[in-house]
């Protein structure tokens, strides 16, 4: 597939690839330079609990999850 570098240095991944690999806006990638003109783009793994709070708060059953105030753990 073909893509173009913008004047800001941005490269757009074609929509077909984004859909196949479920690439969402905001996901992070590492770019590795393999050789002159050869690069590798590697998606960074999401943190294991990334998005868990939003998922719990979106639960359709009201009262299933309620955030609680907690004390700082700095003094432990």
C-alpha atoms as a PDB file:
ATOM      1  CA  UNK A   1       0.000   0.000   0.000  1.00  0.00           C
ATOM      2  CA  UNK A   2       1.138   3.515  -0.676  1.00  0.00           C
ATOM      3  CA  UNK A   3       1.146   6.459   1.724  1.00  0.00           C
ATOM      4  CA  UNK A   4       2.783   9.888   1.710  1.00  0.00           C
ATOM      5  CA  UNK A   5       4.744  11.907   4.260  1.00  0.00           C
ATOM      6  CA  UNK A   6       3.006  15.218   4.996  1.00  0.00           C
ATOM      7  CA  UNK A   7       4.733  18.585   5.247  1.00  0.00           C
ATOM      8  CA  UNK A   8       4.637  18.083   9.038  1.00  0.00           C
ATOM      9  CA  UNK A   9       6.470  14.745   8.745  1.00  0.00           C
ATOM     10  CA  UNK A  10       3.358  12.678   9.471  1.00  0.00           C
ATOM     11  CA  UNK A  11       2.654   9.333   7.821  1.00  0.00           C
ATOM     12  CA  UNK A  12      -0.939   8.105   7.602  1.00  0.00           C
ATOM     13  CA  UNK A  13      -1.599   4.379   7.875  1.00  0.00           C
ATOM     14  CA  UNK A  14      -4.140   3.339   5.243  1.00  0.00           C
ATOM     15  CA  UNK A  15      -7.619   2.705   6.661  1.00  0.00           C
ATOM     16  CA  UNK A  16      -7.531  -0.934   5.531  1.00  0.00           C
ATOM     17  CA  UNK A  17      -4.551  -1.598   7.806  1.00  0.00           C
ATOM     18  CA  UNK A  18      -6.066   0.340  10.707  1.00  0.00           C
ATOM     19  CA  UNK A  19      -9.268  -1.693  10.460  1.00  0.00           C
ATOM     20  CA  UNK A  20      -7.481  -5.054  10.112  1.00  0.00           C
ATOM     21  CA  UNK A  21      -5.311  -4.430  13.163  1.00  0.00           C
ATOM     22  CA  UNK A  22      -7.860  -2.412  15.176  1.00  0.00           C
ATOM     23  CA  UNK A  23      -5.597   0.620  15.408  1.00  0.00           C
ATOM     24  CA  UNK A  24      -7.290   3.391  17.377  1.00  0.00           C
ATOM     25  CA  UNK A  25      -6.428   7.098  17.566  1.00  0.00           C
ATOM     26  CA  UNK A  26      -3.927   7.763  20.327  1.00  0.00           C
ATOM     27  CA  UNK A  27      -2.250   4.352  20.192  1.00  0.00           C
ATOM     28  CA  UNK A  28       1.524   4.605  20.384  1.00  0.00           C
ATOM     29  CA  UNK A  29       4.130   3.107  18.080  1.00  0.00           C
ATOM     30  CA  UNK A  30       7.907   2.773  18.084  1.00  0.00           C
ATOM     31  CA  UNK A  31       9.798   3.525  14.881  1.00  0.00           C
ATOM     32  CA  UNK A  32      13.040   1.616  14.373  1.00  0.00           C
ATOM     33  CA  UNK A  33      15.571   2.526  11.710  1.00  0.00           C
ATOM     34  CA  UNK A  34      16.821  -0.714  10.204  1.00  0.00           C
ATOM     35  CA  UNK A  35      18.949   0.746   7.427  1.00  0.00           C
ATOM     36  CA  UNK A  36      19.025   3.776   5.172  1.00  0.00           C
ATOM     37  CA  UNK A  37      15.449   4.089   3.882  1.00  0.00           C
ATOM     38  CA  UNK A  38      14.206   1.002   5.782  1.00  0.00           C
ATOM     39  CA  UNK A  39      12.108   1.413   8.894  1.00  0.00           C
ATOM     40  CA  UNK A  40       9.964  -0.779  11.148  1.00  0.00           C
ATOM     41  CA  UNK A  41       6.807   0.455  12.842  1.00  0.00           C
ATOM     42  CA  UNK A  42       5.881  -1.498  15.997  1.00  0.00           C
ATOM     43  CA  UNK A  43       2.722  -0.894  18.032  1.00  0.00           C
ATOM     44  CA  UNK A  44       3.414  -0.504  21.743  1.00  0.00           C
ATOM     45  CA  UNK A  45       1.492  -2.863  23.986  1.00  0.00           C
ATOM     46  CA  UNK A  46      -1.256  -1.234  26.030  1.00  0.00           C
ATOM     47  CA  UNK A  47      -0.943  -1.356  29.792  1.00  0.00           C
ATOM     48  CA  UNK A  48      -2.911  -4.335  31.158  1.00  0.00           C
ATOM     49  CA  UNK A  49      -5.567  -2.213  32.896  1.00  0.00           C
ATOM     50  CA  UNK A  50      -5.690   0.578  30.337  1.00  0.00           C
ATOM     51  CA  UNK A  51      -9.333   1.648  29.971  1.00  0.00           C
ATOM     52  CA  UNK A  52     -10.624  -0.530  32.844  1.00  0.00           C
ATOM     53  CA  UNK A  53     -12.123   2.369  34.815  1.00  0.00           C
ATOM     54  CA  UNK A  54     -13.934   3.752  31.765  1.00  0.00           C
ATOM     55  CA  UNK A  55     -15.261   0.251  31.038  1.00  0.00           C
ATOM     56  CA  UNK A  56     -16.544  -0.151  34.614  1.00  0.00           C
ATOM     57  CA  UNK A  57     -18.138   3.293  34.651  1.00  0.00           C
ATOM     58  CA  UNK A  58     -19.920   2.494  31.348  1.00  0.00           C
ATOM     59  CA  UNK A  59     -21.620  -0.568  32.871  1.00  0.00           C
ATOM     60  CA  UNK A  60     -25.369  -0.425  32.102  1.00  0.00           C
ATOM     61  CA  UNK A  61     -26.290  -1.671  35.592  1.00  0.00           C
ATOM     62  CA  UNK A  62     -26.314   1.414  37.825  1.00  0.00           C
ATOM     63  CA  UNK A  63     -24.416   1.114  41.073  1.00  0.00           C
ATOM     64  CA  UNK A  64     -22.284  -1.787  39.797  1.00  0.00           C
ATOM     65  CA  UNK A  65     -19.141   0.265  40.245  1.00  0.00           C
ATOM     66  CA  UNK A  66     -18.796   3.433  42.268  1.00  0.00           C
ATOM     67  CA  UNK A  67     -15.509   5.281  42.663  1.00  0.00           C
ATOM     68  CA  UNK A  68     -14.443   5.767  46.285  1.00  0.00           C
ATOM     69  CA  UNK A  69     -12.178   8.335  47.871  1.00  0.00           C
ATOM     70  CA  UNK A  70      -8.941   6.851  49.095  1.00  0.00           C
ATOM     71  CA  UNK A  71      -5.978   8.054  51.042  1.00  0.00           C
ATOM     72  CA  UNK A  72      -2.563   8.515  49.566  1.00  0.00           C
ATOM     73  CA  UNK A  73      -0.238   5.522  49.603  1.00  0.00           C
ATOM     74  CA  UNK A  74       2.816   7.794  49.901  1.00  0.00           C
ATOM     75  CA  UNK A  75       3.091   7.187  53.655  1.00  0.00           C
ATOM     76  CA  UNK A  76       3.068   3.384  53.404  1.00  0.00           C
END
